[in-house]
C-alpha atoms as a PDB file:
ATOM      1  CA  MET A   1      10.109   7.429  -4.807  1.00  0.00           C
ATOM      2  CA  LYS A   2       9.168   9.720  -1.941  1.00  0.00           C
ATOM      3  CA  ALA A   3       9.509   8.570   1.637  1.00  0.00           C
ATOM      4  CA  CYS A   4       5.781   8.988   2.285  1.00  0.00           C
ATOM      5  CA  HIS A   5       5.014   6.579  -0.575  1.00  0.00           C
ATOM      6  CA  VAL A   6       7.447   4.029   0.827  1.00  0.00           C
ATOM      7  CA  VAL A   7       5.998   4.256   4.329  1.00  0.00           C
ATOM      8  CA  ALA A   8       2.445   3.950   3.020  1.00  0.00           C
ATOM      9  CA  LEU A   9       3.305   0.900   0.896  1.00  0.00           C
ATOM     10  CA  ILE A  10       5.010  -0.750   3.864  1.00  0.00           C
ATOM     11  CA  GLY A  11       1.869  -0.103   5.899  1.00  0.00           C
ATOM     12  CA  CYS A  12      -0.276  -1.735   3.230  1.00  0.00           C
ATOM     13  CA  ILE A  13       2.011  -4.750   3.107  1.00  0.00           C
ATOM     14  CA  LEU A  14       2.034  -5.109   6.893  1.00  0.00           C
ATOM     15  CA  VAL A  15      -1.760  -5.287   7.014  1.00  0.00           C
ATOM     16  CA  LEU A  16      -1.556  -8.827   5.621  1.00  0.00           C
ATOM     17  CA  PRO A  17       0.524 -10.499   8.357  1.00  0.00           C
ATOM     18  CA  LEU A  18      -1.158  -8.397  11.035  1.00  0.00           C
ATOM     19  CA  ALA A  19      -4.615  -9.604  10.010  1.00  0.00           C
ATOM     20  CA  LEU A  20      -3.522 -13.201   9.536  1.00  0.00           C
ATOM     21  CA  ILE A  21      -1.548 -13.457  12.795  1.00  0.00           C
ATOM     22  CA  CYS A  22      -3.607 -11.337  15.177  1.00  0.00           C
ATOM     23  CA  GLY A  23      -6.996 -12.314  13.756  1.00  0.00           C
ATOM     24  CA  PRO A  24      -7.026 -15.826  15.243  1.00  0.00           C
ATOM     25  CA  LEU A  25      -5.771 -14.465  18.564  1.00  0.00           C
ATOM     26  CA  ARG A  26      -8.819 -12.216  18.767  1.00  0.00           C
ATOM     27  CA  GLY A  27     -11.214 -14.877  17.453  1.00  0.00           C
ATOM     28  CA  ILE A  28     -11.960 -13.084  14.181  1.00  0.00           C
ATOM     29  CA  PRO A  29     -13.415 -15.431  11.511  1.00  0.00           C
ATOM     30  CA  LEU A  30     -11.275 -16.279   8.481  1.00  0.00           C
ATOM     31  CA  TYR A  31     -13.474 -14.477   5.954  1.00  0.00           C
ATOM     32  CA  TRP A  32     -13.239 -11.256   7.991  1.00  0.00           C
ATOM     33  CA  ARG A  33      -9.468 -11.616   8.068  1.00  0.00           C
ATOM     34  CA  LEU A  34      -9.454 -12.002   4.290  1.00  0.00           C
ATOM     35  CA  ILE A  35     -11.529  -8.832   3.993  1.00  0.00           C
ATOM     36  CA  ASP A  36      -9.007  -7.068   6.241  1.00  0.00           C
ATOM     37  CA  CYS A  37      -6.198  -8.312   3.979  1.00  0.00           C
ATOM     38  CA  SER A  38      -7.997  -6.914   0.953  1.00  0.00           C
ATOM     39  CA  PHE A  39      -7.691  -3.410   2.439  1.00  0.00           C
ATOM     40  CA  GLY A  40      -3.932  -3.746   2.267  1.00  0.00           C
ATOM     41  CA  VAL A  41      -4.008  -4.983  -1.320  1.00  0.00           C
ATOM     42  CA  PHE A  42      -6.546  -2.457  -2.579  1.00  0.00           C
ATOM     43  CA  GLY A  43      -4.848   0.342  -0.645  1.00  0.00           C
ATOM     44  CA  ALA A  44      -1.557  -0.374  -2.390  1.00  0.00           C
ATOM     45  CA  LEU A  45      -3.038  -0.049  -5.886  1.00  0.00           C
ATOM     46  CA  PRO A  46      -3.692   3.726  -5.775  1.00  0.00           C
ATOM     47  CA  LEU A  47      -0.355   4.222  -4.036  1.00  0.00           C
ATOM     48  CA  LEU A  48       1.479   2.443  -6.841  1.00  0.00           C
ATOM     49  CA  TYR A  49      -0.359   4.666  -9.314  1.00  0.00           C
ATOM     50  CA  CYS A  50       0.775   7.739  -7.356  1.00  0.00           C
ATOM     51  CA  VAL A  51       4.355   6.464  -7.392  1.00  0.00           C
ATOM     52  CA  ARG A  52       4.129   6.081 -11.168  1.00  0.00           C
ATOM     53  CA  LEU A  53       2.736   9.596 -11.631  1.00  0.00           C
ATOM     54  CA  THR A  54       5.372  11.063  -9.317  1.00  0.00           C
ATOM     55  CA  ARG A  55       8.097   9.340 -11.292  1.00  0.00           C
ATOM     56  CA  LEU A  56       6.679  10.712 -14.571  1.00  0.00           C
ATOM     57  CA  LEU A  57       6.513  14.236 -13.136  1.00  0.00           C
ATOM     58  CA  ARG A  58      10.109  14.082 -11.953  1.00  0.00           C
ATOM     59  CA  MET A  59      11.287  12.801 -15.333  1.00  0.00           C
ATOM     60  CA  GLY A  60       9.459  15.690 -17.003  1.00  0.00           C
ATOM     61  CA  GLN A  61      11.088  18.232 -14.700  1.00  0.00           C
ATOM     62  CA  ARG A  62      14.552  16.813 -15.335  1.00  0.00           C
ATOM     63  CA  ALA A  63      14.009  17.040 -19.076  1.00  0.00           C
ATOM     64  CA  GLY A  64      13.174  20.731 -18.756  1.00  0.00           C
ATOM     65  CA  HIS A  65       9.418  20.420 -19.123  1.00  0.00           C
ATOM     66  CA  SER A  66       7.453  22.184 -16.410  1.00  0.00           C
END
């Protein structure tokens, strides 16, 4: 897995505690915080797909297929 994928996935994961901890401090309603959390979850889905495709491409290159 490439470092940029790892950093992006960590960023998506960290959206959850950030929204849930800092949201009440700023007076943001619960449903808005849940919407903010959904950005982290839905942002991770395409990244996981990219990780899968990258892994398949690397396996193909190692097997001699360009």
